């Protein structure tokens, strides 16, 4: 797929620098003070959210990571902080151990393969976020879904299904792109 190839090329060229640069855009997100922000652990050529997560933690935010409990089920979120140990979840992905507290995020930083100008997100294909986000948004209409990406991951248009929850915002090395009214 071309989107994956473009992402991989961008990662090889500037991945580490871009991840650190994205931290500069955090003030533009207007996150509620000290809210729970869920992130993810980078795999492959995804933009590494760790610099953002560390900056949030240093500013008093609580962090969480998704945990797949069973195939084809919504994810749960468990409290986590950088440098805390991880285990693997039911999908074989890095996740906090079962002893970590379950939390409900108010903002999510999500990985993506591609996005478009409407906030449509193309994920990795497993559908875990597609099964998780609708219930989170139903319980919290102010939930902020944040994509982190390289600018080359933006497509002209992506197919959108009724079950897709659009991104509210995407942060790239070129800045912040809003798709839903800012909360701040």
N, C-alpha and C. Protein backbone atom coordinates (compact mmCIF):
# COMPACT_ATOMS: atom_id res chain seq x y z
N UNK A 1 0.84 -1.18 0.00
CA UNK A 1 0.00 0.00 0.00
C UNK A 1 0.89 1.25 0.00
N UNK A 2 0.56 2.23 -0.78
CA UNK A 2 1.36 3.44 -0.92
C UNK A 2 1.44 4.25 0.37
N UNK A 3 0.35 4.33 1.13
CA UNK A 3 0.36 5.11 2.37
C UNK A 3 1.37 4.55 3.36
N UNK A 4 1.43 3.24 3.47
CA UNK A 4 2.41 2.63 4.39
C UNK A 4 3.84 2.90 3.92
N UNK A 5 4.05 2.85 2.62
CA UNK A 5 5.38 3.11 2.07
C UNK A 5 5.81 4.56 2.30
N UNK A 6 4.87 5.51 2.11
CA UNK A 6 5.20 6.92 2.35
C UNK A 6 5.52 7.15 3.83
N UNK A 7 4.74 6.53 4.70
CA UNK A 7 5.00 6.66 6.13
C UNK A 7 6.38 6.10 6.48
N UNK A 8 6.71 4.93 5.94
CA UNK A 8 8.01 4.31 6.22
C UNK A 8 9.16 5.18 5.72
N UNK A 9 9.00 5.78 4.54
CA UNK A 9 10.05 6.65 4.01
C UNK A 9 10.22 7.89 4.89
N UNK A 10 9.11 8.48 5.31
CA UNK A 10 9.17 9.66 6.18
C UNK A 10 9.81 9.30 7.51
N UNK A 11 9.49 8.15 8.03
CA UNK A 11 10.07 7.73 9.31
C UNK A 11 11.58 7.55 9.18
N UNK A 12 12.01 6.89 8.13
CA UNK A 12 13.45 6.69 7.95
C UNK A 12 14.18 8.02 7.79
N UNK A 13 13.55 8.98 7.15
CA UNK A 13 14.21 10.27 6.89
C UNK A 13 14.22 11.19 8.11
N UNK A 14 13.12 11.22 8.85
CA UNK A 14 13.02 12.24 9.91
C UNK A 14 12.27 11.79 11.16
N UNK A 15 12.03 10.50 11.30
CA UNK A 15 11.17 10.01 12.38
C UNK A 15 11.49 10.50 13.77
N UNK A 16 12.73 10.42 14.18
CA UNK A 16 13.10 10.81 15.54
C UNK A 16 12.94 12.32 15.74
N UNK A 17 13.36 13.09 14.76
CA UNK A 17 13.25 14.54 14.88
C UNK A 17 11.78 14.98 14.90
N UNK A 18 10.97 14.37 14.07
CA UNK A 18 9.55 14.76 14.00
C UNK A 18 8.86 14.46 15.32
N UNK A 19 9.11 13.30 15.90
CA UNK A 19 8.47 12.94 17.17
C UNK A 19 8.76 13.99 18.23
N UNK A 20 9.98 14.44 18.32
CA UNK A 20 10.34 15.46 19.31
C UNK A 20 9.73 16.81 18.95
N UNK A 21 9.65 17.12 17.67
CA UNK A 21 9.10 18.41 17.23
C UNK A 21 7.62 18.54 17.54
N UNK A 22 6.87 17.45 17.50
CA UNK A 22 5.43 17.50 17.70
C UNK A 22 5.06 17.99 19.10
N UNK A 23 5.95 17.82 20.06
CA UNK A 23 5.71 18.30 21.42
C UNK A 23 5.41 19.81 21.42
N UNK A 24 6.03 20.54 20.51
CA UNK A 24 5.83 21.99 20.44
C UNK A 24 4.39 22.39 20.15
N UNK A 25 3.60 21.48 19.61
CA UNK A 25 2.22 21.80 19.26
C UNK A 25 1.22 21.48 20.36
N UNK A 26 1.67 20.89 21.46
CA UNK A 26 0.75 20.52 22.54
C UNK A 26 -0.11 21.67 23.05
N UNK A 27 0.44 22.88 23.25
CA UNK A 27 -0.41 23.96 23.77
C UNK A 27 -1.62 24.28 22.88
N UNK A 28 -1.52 23.96 21.59
CA UNK A 28 -2.63 24.24 20.68
C UNK A 28 -3.80 23.27 20.83
N UNK A 29 -3.63 22.22 21.62
CA UNK A 29 -4.68 21.22 21.77
C UNK A 29 -5.72 21.57 22.82
N UNK A 30 -5.39 22.46 23.74
CA UNK A 30 -6.33 22.86 24.79
C UNK A 30 -6.88 21.68 25.57
N UNK A 31 -6.01 20.77 25.98
CA UNK A 31 -6.44 19.62 26.76
C UNK A 31 -6.87 20.07 28.15
N UNK A 32 -7.94 19.48 28.69
CA UNK A 32 -8.33 19.82 30.07
C UNK A 32 -7.17 19.51 31.02
N UNK A 33 -6.94 20.38 31.97
CA UNK A 33 -5.82 20.21 32.90
C UNK A 33 -5.90 18.86 33.61
N UNK A 34 -4.79 18.18 33.62
CA UNK A 34 -4.62 16.93 34.37
C UNK A 34 -5.59 15.81 33.98
N UNK A 35 -6.11 15.86 32.77
CA UNK A 35 -7.00 14.79 32.32
C UNK A 35 -6.20 13.53 32.00
N UNK A 36 -6.90 12.44 31.76
CA UNK A 36 -6.27 11.18 31.37
C UNK A 36 -6.11 11.18 29.86
N UNK A 37 -4.88 11.01 29.40
CA UNK A 37 -4.57 10.96 27.97
C UNK A 37 -4.02 9.57 27.67
N UNK A 38 -4.67 8.88 26.76
CA UNK A 38 -4.19 7.56 26.34
C UNK A 38 -3.32 7.72 25.11
N UNK A 39 -2.23 7.00 25.10
CA UNK A 39 -1.34 7.00 23.95
C UNK A 39 -1.19 5.60 23.40
N UNK A 40 -0.07 5.32 22.82
CA UNK A 40 0.22 3.99 22.30
C UNK A 40 1.73 3.81 22.28
N UNK A 41 2.16 2.61 22.15
CA UNK A 41 3.58 2.30 22.02
C UNK A 41 3.87 2.13 20.53
N UNK A 42 4.82 2.87 20.03
CA UNK A 42 5.15 2.87 18.61
C UNK A 42 5.52 1.46 18.13
N UNK A 43 5.03 1.17 16.93
CA UNK A 43 5.43 -0.06 16.23
C UNK A 43 5.82 0.34 14.82
N UNK A 44 6.90 -0.22 14.37
CA UNK A 44 7.33 0.02 12.99
C UNK A 44 7.57 1.48 12.69
N UNK A 45 6.97 1.97 11.60
CA UNK A 45 7.21 3.34 11.15
C UNK A 45 6.17 4.33 11.65
N UNK A 46 5.38 3.96 12.65
CA UNK A 46 4.44 4.92 13.24
C UNK A 46 5.21 6.07 13.88
N UNK A 47 4.59 7.23 13.92
CA UNK A 47 5.20 8.34 14.66
C UNK A 47 5.23 7.94 16.13
N UNK A 48 6.37 8.11 16.75
CA UNK A 48 6.54 7.73 18.14
C UNK A 48 5.91 8.80 19.04
N UNK A 49 4.86 8.46 19.80
CA UNK A 49 4.23 9.45 20.66
C UNK A 49 4.94 9.63 22.01
N UNK A 50 6.00 8.88 22.26
CA UNK A 50 6.64 8.93 23.58
C UNK A 50 7.09 10.33 23.99
N UNK A 51 7.71 11.14 23.11
CA UNK A 51 8.05 12.50 23.54
C UNK A 51 6.83 13.31 23.99
N UNK A 52 5.72 13.15 23.29
CA UNK A 52 4.48 13.85 23.66
C UNK A 52 3.99 13.33 25.01
N UNK A 53 3.97 12.02 25.17
CA UNK A 53 3.49 11.43 26.42
C UNK A 53 4.35 11.87 27.61
N UNK A 54 5.65 11.89 27.42
CA UNK A 54 6.54 12.34 28.50
C UNK A 54 6.27 13.80 28.85
N UNK A 55 6.11 14.64 27.84
CA UNK A 55 5.82 16.06 28.10
C UNK A 55 4.50 16.22 28.84
N UNK A 56 3.49 15.47 28.45
CA UNK A 56 2.20 15.53 29.15
C UNK A 56 2.35 15.10 30.60
N UNK A 57 3.05 14.00 30.82
CA UNK A 57 3.27 13.50 32.18
C UNK A 57 4.00 14.54 33.03
N UNK A 58 5.01 15.18 32.45
CA UNK A 58 5.76 16.21 33.17
C UNK A 58 4.92 17.44 33.50
N UNK A 59 3.79 17.60 32.80
CA UNK A 59 2.89 18.72 33.05
C UNK A 59 1.64 18.31 33.82
N UNK A 60 1.70 17.16 34.48
CA UNK A 60 0.63 16.77 35.39
C UNK A 60 -0.50 15.95 34.80
N UNK A 61 -0.38 15.52 33.57
CA UNK A 61 -1.43 14.69 32.98
C UNK A 61 -1.23 13.24 33.38
N UNK A 62 -2.34 12.52 33.50
CA UNK A 62 -2.30 11.09 33.76
C UNK A 62 -2.26 10.39 32.41
N UNK A 63 -1.47 9.35 32.31
CA UNK A 63 -1.34 8.64 31.04
C UNK A 63 -1.94 7.25 31.13
N UNK A 64 -2.30 6.74 29.97
CA UNK A 64 -2.83 5.38 29.87
C UNK A 64 -2.42 4.80 28.52
N UNK A 65 -2.48 3.49 28.46
CA UNK A 65 -2.27 2.78 27.19
C UNK A 65 -3.43 1.84 26.97
N UNK A 66 -3.75 1.57 25.69
CA UNK A 66 -4.83 0.63 25.40
C UNK A 66 -4.38 -0.80 25.69
N UNK A 67 -5.37 -1.62 26.01
CA UNK A 67 -5.12 -3.04 26.24
C UNK A 67 -6.21 -3.83 25.53
N UNK A 68 -5.80 -4.71 24.64
CA UNK A 68 -6.74 -5.60 23.96
C UNK A 68 -6.98 -6.79 24.89
N UNK A 69 -8.23 -6.96 25.29
CA UNK A 69 -8.58 -8.05 26.20
C UNK A 69 -8.94 -9.32 25.44
N UNK A 70 -9.56 -9.16 24.28
CA UNK A 70 -9.96 -10.30 23.46
C UNK A 70 -10.07 -9.84 22.01
N UNK A 71 -9.79 -10.75 21.09
CA UNK A 71 -9.90 -10.43 19.67
C UNK A 71 -11.32 -9.97 19.36
N UNK A 72 -11.42 -8.97 18.48
CA UNK A 72 -12.70 -8.42 18.03
C UNK A 72 -13.53 -7.79 19.14
N UNK A 73 -12.88 -7.34 20.20
CA UNK A 73 -13.56 -6.66 21.31
C UNK A 73 -13.01 -5.25 21.46
N UNK A 74 -13.79 -4.36 22.11
CA UNK A 74 -13.24 -3.04 22.40
C UNK A 74 -12.05 -3.14 23.36
N UNK A 75 -11.19 -2.16 23.30
CA UNK A 75 -10.04 -2.12 24.20
C UNK A 75 -10.44 -1.49 25.53
N UNK A 76 -9.66 -1.77 26.55
CA UNK A 76 -9.74 -1.05 27.80
C UNK A 76 -8.46 -0.23 27.92
N UNK A 77 -8.45 0.71 28.84
CA UNK A 77 -7.28 1.55 29.02
C UNK A 77 -6.79 1.40 30.45
N UNK A 78 -5.49 1.26 30.57
CA UNK A 78 -4.87 1.09 31.89
C UNK A 78 -3.85 2.20 32.13
N UNK A 79 -3.82 2.65 33.38
CA UNK A 79 -2.88 3.69 33.76
C UNK A 79 -1.45 3.23 33.48
N UNK A 80 -0.62 4.18 33.08
CA UNK A 80 0.76 3.86 32.73
C UNK A 80 1.58 5.15 32.79
N UNK A 81 2.84 5.01 33.04
CA UNK A 81 3.79 6.13 32.98
C UNK A 81 5.04 5.64 32.25
N UNK A 82 5.72 6.54 31.53
CA UNK A 82 6.95 6.14 30.86
C UNK A 82 7.91 5.46 31.83
N UNK A 83 8.58 4.47 31.34
CA UNK A 83 9.55 3.65 32.10
C UNK A 83 8.91 2.62 33.00
N UNK A 84 7.58 2.57 33.07
CA UNK A 84 6.94 1.48 33.82
C UNK A 84 6.95 0.24 32.94
N UNK A 85 7.01 -0.93 33.56
CA UNK A 85 7.08 -2.16 32.77
C UNK A 85 5.79 -2.40 31.98
N UNK A 86 5.97 -3.09 30.86
CA UNK A 86 4.85 -3.46 30.00
C UNK A 86 4.82 -4.97 29.85
N UNK A 87 3.67 -5.45 29.53
CA UNK A 87 3.49 -6.86 29.20
C UNK A 87 2.87 -6.90 27.81
N UNK A 88 2.38 -8.03 27.36
CA UNK A 88 1.68 -8.07 26.07
C UNK A 88 0.21 -8.40 26.32
N UNK A 89 -0.63 -7.81 25.50
CA UNK A 89 -2.07 -8.05 25.64
C UNK A 89 -2.51 -9.20 24.75
N UNK A 90 -3.80 -9.39 24.62
CA UNK A 90 -4.35 -10.51 23.85
C UNK A 90 -4.01 -10.45 22.37
N UNK A 91 -3.65 -9.26 21.88
CA UNK A 91 -3.26 -9.12 20.48
C UNK A 91 -1.74 -9.16 20.31
N UNK A 92 -1.02 -9.37 21.41
CA UNK A 92 0.43 -9.39 21.35
C UNK A 92 1.06 -8.02 21.34
N UNK A 93 0.29 -6.99 21.68
CA UNK A 93 0.79 -5.61 21.69
C UNK A 93 1.28 -5.22 23.08
N UNK A 94 2.23 -4.31 23.18
CA UNK A 94 2.69 -3.87 24.49
C UNK A 94 1.56 -3.18 25.25
N UNK A 95 1.40 -3.53 26.52
CA UNK A 95 0.32 -2.98 27.34
C UNK A 95 0.72 -3.02 28.80
N UNK A 96 0.10 -2.16 29.61
CA UNK A 96 0.36 -2.22 31.05
C UNK A 96 -0.09 -3.57 31.61
N UNK A 97 0.50 -3.99 32.72
CA UNK A 97 0.10 -5.27 33.32
C UNK A 97 -1.32 -5.21 33.89
N UNK A 98 -1.89 -6.36 34.14
CA UNK A 98 -3.26 -6.46 34.66
C UNK A 98 -3.41 -5.77 36.01
N UNK A 99 -2.33 -5.56 36.72
CA UNK A 99 -2.40 -4.89 38.02
C UNK A 99 -2.56 -3.37 37.90
N UNK A 100 -2.36 -2.82 36.72
CA UNK A 100 -2.53 -1.38 36.51
C UNK A 100 -4.02 -1.03 36.56
N UNK A 101 -4.32 0.15 37.08
CA UNK A 101 -5.72 0.58 37.22
C UNK A 101 -6.35 0.82 35.85
N UNK A 102 -7.60 0.40 35.71
CA UNK A 102 -8.38 0.74 34.53
C UNK A 102 -8.79 2.21 34.65
N UNK A 103 -8.69 2.94 33.55
CA UNK A 103 -9.04 4.36 33.52
C UNK A 103 -9.85 4.64 32.26
N UNK A 104 -10.50 5.79 32.25
CA UNK A 104 -11.26 6.22 31.07
C UNK A 104 -10.58 7.48 30.53
N UNK A 105 -10.02 7.41 29.34
CA UNK A 105 -9.32 8.58 28.80
C UNK A 105 -10.29 9.67 28.35
N UNK A 106 -9.82 10.91 28.48
CA UNK A 106 -10.56 12.06 27.98
C UNK A 106 -9.99 12.53 26.65
N UNK A 107 -8.79 12.03 26.35
CA UNK A 107 -8.14 12.31 25.07
C UNK A 107 -7.33 11.07 24.69
N UNK A 108 -7.29 10.79 23.39
CA UNK A 108 -6.52 9.65 22.89
C UNK A 108 -5.60 10.11 21.79
N UNK A 109 -4.36 9.68 21.88
CA UNK A 109 -3.40 9.87 20.80
C UNK A 109 -3.34 8.54 20.07
N UNK A 110 -3.74 8.55 18.80
CA UNK A 110 -3.90 7.29 18.08
C UNK A 110 -2.94 7.18 16.90
N UNK A 111 -2.49 5.96 16.62
CA UNK A 111 -1.66 5.74 15.44
C UNK A 111 -2.52 5.71 14.19
N UNK A 112 -1.89 5.92 13.06
CA UNK A 112 -2.64 5.85 11.81
C UNK A 112 -1.71 5.58 10.64
N UNK A 113 -2.31 5.03 9.61
CA UNK A 113 -1.58 4.81 8.36
C UNK A 113 -1.77 6.02 7.45
N UNK A 114 -2.99 6.57 7.45
CA UNK A 114 -3.30 7.73 6.62
C UNK A 114 -4.50 8.46 7.22
N UNK A 115 -4.66 9.72 6.79
CA UNK A 115 -5.81 10.52 7.19
C UNK A 115 -6.16 11.44 6.03
N UNK A 116 -7.38 11.99 6.06
CA UNK A 116 -7.76 12.93 5.02
C UNK A 116 -8.22 14.25 5.64
N UNK A 117 -8.61 15.18 4.79
CA UNK A 117 -8.99 16.52 5.23
C UNK A 117 -10.29 16.60 6.00
N UNK A 118 -11.00 15.50 6.13
CA UNK A 118 -12.23 15.47 6.93
C UNK A 118 -11.99 14.82 8.29
N UNK A 119 -10.77 14.35 8.51
CA UNK A 119 -10.48 13.67 9.77
C UNK A 119 -10.70 12.17 9.73
N UNK A 120 -10.97 11.65 8.55
CA UNK A 120 -11.10 10.20 8.41
C UNK A 120 -9.73 9.57 8.65
N UNK A 121 -9.71 8.51 9.43
CA UNK A 121 -8.46 7.85 9.80
C UNK A 121 -8.44 6.45 9.22
N UNK A 122 -7.31 6.10 8.60
CA UNK A 122 -7.08 4.73 8.17
C UNK A 122 -6.10 4.14 9.17
N UNK A 123 -6.56 3.14 9.91
CA UNK A 123 -5.72 2.49 10.91
C UNK A 123 -4.98 1.31 10.31
N UNK A 124 -4.49 0.47 11.18
CA UNK A 124 -3.68 -0.66 10.73
C UNK A 124 -4.52 -1.82 10.24
N UNK A 125 -5.82 -1.78 10.45
CA UNK A 125 -6.68 -2.81 9.90
C UNK A 125 -7.24 -3.79 10.91
N UNK A 126 -6.79 -3.74 12.15
CA UNK A 126 -7.31 -4.68 13.16
C UNK A 126 -8.66 -4.24 13.70
N UNK A 127 -8.99 -2.95 13.61
CA UNK A 127 -10.30 -2.46 14.01
C UNK A 127 -10.50 -2.21 15.49
N UNK A 128 -9.44 -2.27 16.29
CA UNK A 128 -9.61 -2.09 17.73
C UNK A 128 -10.09 -0.69 18.09
N UNK A 129 -9.55 0.32 17.46
CA UNK A 129 -10.03 1.68 17.74
C UNK A 129 -11.45 1.86 17.22
N UNK A 130 -11.78 1.26 16.07
CA UNK A 130 -13.14 1.36 15.53
C UNK A 130 -14.16 0.75 16.49
N UNK A 131 -13.78 -0.28 17.22
CA UNK A 131 -14.69 -0.91 18.17
C UNK A 131 -14.72 -0.18 19.51
N UNK A 132 -13.70 0.62 19.80
CA UNK A 132 -13.56 1.27 21.10
C UNK A 132 -14.08 2.70 21.11
N UNK A 133 -13.76 3.46 20.09
CA UNK A 133 -14.06 4.89 20.08
C UNK A 133 -15.55 5.24 20.15
N UNK A 134 -16.45 4.52 19.48
CA UNK A 134 -17.86 4.93 19.55
C UNK A 134 -18.41 4.97 20.98
N UNK A 135 -18.11 3.99 21.79
CA UNK A 135 -18.62 3.99 23.18
C UNK A 135 -17.96 5.11 23.99
N UNK A 136 -16.66 5.32 23.79
CA UNK A 136 -15.99 6.41 24.51
C UNK A 136 -16.61 7.76 24.15
N UNK A 137 -16.87 7.97 22.87
CA UNK A 137 -17.47 9.24 22.41
C UNK A 137 -18.91 9.36 22.90
N UNK A 138 -19.65 8.25 22.93
CA UNK A 138 -21.03 8.30 23.41
C UNK A 138 -21.08 8.70 24.89
N UNK A 139 -20.11 8.22 25.66
CA UNK A 139 -20.06 8.54 27.09
C UNK A 139 -19.43 9.88 27.38
N UNK A 140 -18.67 10.42 26.42
CA UNK A 140 -18.01 11.71 26.60
C UNK A 140 -17.94 12.43 25.26
N UNK A 141 -18.96 13.23 24.93
CA UNK A 141 -18.96 13.94 23.65
C UNK A 141 -17.75 14.86 23.45
N UNK A 142 -17.07 15.24 24.54
CA UNK A 142 -15.89 16.10 24.44
C UNK A 142 -14.60 15.31 24.26
N UNK A 143 -14.70 13.99 24.16
CA UNK A 143 -13.52 13.16 23.94
C UNK A 143 -12.72 13.71 22.76
N UNK A 144 -11.41 13.85 22.94
CA UNK A 144 -10.57 14.35 21.86
C UNK A 144 -9.74 13.21 21.29
N UNK A 145 -9.90 12.96 20.00
CA UNK A 145 -9.14 11.93 19.31
C UNK A 145 -8.09 12.63 18.46
N UNK A 146 -6.83 12.38 18.83
CA UNK A 146 -5.69 13.09 18.26
C UNK A 146 -4.84 12.12 17.44
N UNK A 147 -4.69 12.40 16.18
CA UNK A 147 -3.78 11.61 15.35
C UNK A 147 -2.41 12.27 15.33
N UNK A 148 -1.38 11.47 15.33
CA UNK A 148 -0.02 11.99 15.12
C UNK A 148 0.51 11.32 13.87
N UNK A 149 1.04 12.14 12.96
CA UNK A 149 1.40 11.61 11.65
C UNK A 149 2.46 12.47 10.99
N UNK A 150 3.03 11.94 9.96
CA UNK A 150 3.87 12.71 9.05
C UNK A 150 2.93 13.38 8.04
N UNK A 151 3.26 14.57 7.59
CA UNK A 151 2.41 15.28 6.64
C UNK A 151 2.13 14.45 5.39
N UNK A 152 3.10 13.62 4.97
CA UNK A 152 2.91 12.82 3.75
C UNK A 152 1.84 11.74 3.92
N UNK A 153 1.35 11.55 5.13
CA UNK A 153 0.30 10.55 5.36
C UNK A 153 -1.09 11.09 5.02
N UNK A 154 -1.20 12.38 4.70
CA UNK A 154 -2.50 12.93 4.36
C UNK A 154 -2.87 12.56 2.93
N UNK A 155 -4.06 12.00 2.80
CA UNK A 155 -4.62 11.62 1.51
C UNK A 155 -5.68 12.65 1.11
N UNK A 156 -5.99 12.68 -0.16
CA UNK A 156 -7.04 13.58 -0.64
C UNK A 156 -8.38 13.18 -0.03
N UNK A 157 -8.68 11.88 -0.07
CA UNK A 157 -9.93 11.39 0.50
C UNK A 157 -9.77 9.91 0.82
N UNK A 158 -10.37 9.51 1.94
CA UNK A 158 -10.36 8.10 2.34
C UNK A 158 -11.79 7.61 2.46
N UNK A 159 -12.02 6.32 2.24
CA UNK A 159 -13.37 5.80 2.44
C UNK A 159 -13.73 5.90 3.92
N UNK A 160 -14.99 6.20 4.18
CA UNK A 160 -15.45 6.36 5.56
C UNK A 160 -16.70 5.50 5.76
N UNK A 161 -16.65 4.66 6.78
CA UNK A 161 -17.80 3.81 7.10
C UNK A 161 -18.59 4.42 8.25
N UNK A 162 -19.83 4.01 8.40
CA UNK A 162 -20.69 4.56 9.45
C UNK A 162 -20.11 4.34 10.84
N UNK A 163 -19.32 3.30 11.02
CA UNK A 163 -18.75 3.00 12.34
C UNK A 163 -17.46 3.77 12.63
N UNK A 164 -16.92 4.47 11.64
CA UNK A 164 -15.68 5.22 11.84
C UNK A 164 -15.92 6.46 12.69
N UNK A 165 -15.08 6.66 13.68
CA UNK A 165 -15.11 7.88 14.48
C UNK A 165 -13.99 8.77 13.94
N UNK A 166 -14.35 9.96 13.45
CA UNK A 166 -13.31 10.80 12.86
C UNK A 166 -12.35 11.36 13.91
N UNK A 167 -11.18 11.69 13.45
CA UNK A 167 -10.21 12.37 14.28
C UNK A 167 -10.70 13.79 14.55
N UNK A 168 -10.38 14.31 15.71
CA UNK A 168 -10.68 15.71 16.00
C UNK A 168 -9.56 16.61 15.50
N UNK A 169 -8.35 16.07 15.54
CA UNK A 169 -7.18 16.87 15.21
C UNK A 169 -6.04 15.92 14.81
N UNK A 170 -5.17 16.39 13.94
CA UNK A 170 -3.94 15.66 13.61
C UNK A 170 -2.78 16.63 13.78
N UNK A 171 -1.72 16.13 14.39
CA UNK A 171 -0.49 16.91 14.53
C UNK A 171 0.54 16.30 13.59
N UNK A 172 1.09 17.13 12.71
CA UNK A 172 2.19 16.72 11.82
C UNK A 172 3.33 17.70 12.02
N UNK A 173 4.43 17.46 11.35
CA UNK A 173 5.56 18.37 11.42
C UNK A 173 5.23 19.75 10.84
N UNK A 174 4.13 19.84 10.12
CA UNK A 174 3.72 21.13 9.54
C UNK A 174 2.75 21.89 10.42
N UNK A 175 2.29 21.27 11.50
CA UNK A 175 1.38 21.97 12.40
C UNK A 175 0.18 21.13 12.80
N UNK A 176 -0.84 21.83 13.27
CA UNK A 176 -2.04 21.20 13.81
C UNK A 176 -3.18 21.40 12.82
N UNK A 177 -3.85 20.32 12.47
CA UNK A 177 -5.01 20.36 11.57
C UNK A 177 -6.25 19.98 12.38
N UNK A 178 -7.20 20.90 12.47
CA UNK A 178 -8.43 20.66 13.23
C UNK A 178 -9.55 20.18 12.30
N UNK A 179 -10.31 19.19 12.77
CA UNK A 179 -11.45 18.68 12.02
C UNK A 179 -12.75 18.86 12.79
N UNK A 180 -12.64 19.19 14.07
CA UNK A 180 -13.81 19.43 14.91
C UNK A 180 -13.52 20.70 15.70
N UNK A 181 -14.57 21.42 16.05
CA UNK A 181 -14.41 22.66 16.80
C UNK A 181 -13.53 22.48 18.03
N UNK A 182 -12.63 23.41 18.24
CA UNK A 182 -11.75 23.37 19.40
C UNK A 182 -12.54 23.54 20.68
N UNK A 183 -12.10 22.82 21.71
CA UNK A 183 -12.77 22.88 23.00
C UNK A 183 -12.34 24.10 23.80
N UNK A 184 -11.21 24.72 23.45
CA UNK A 184 -10.66 25.78 24.28
C UNK A 184 -11.11 27.13 23.91
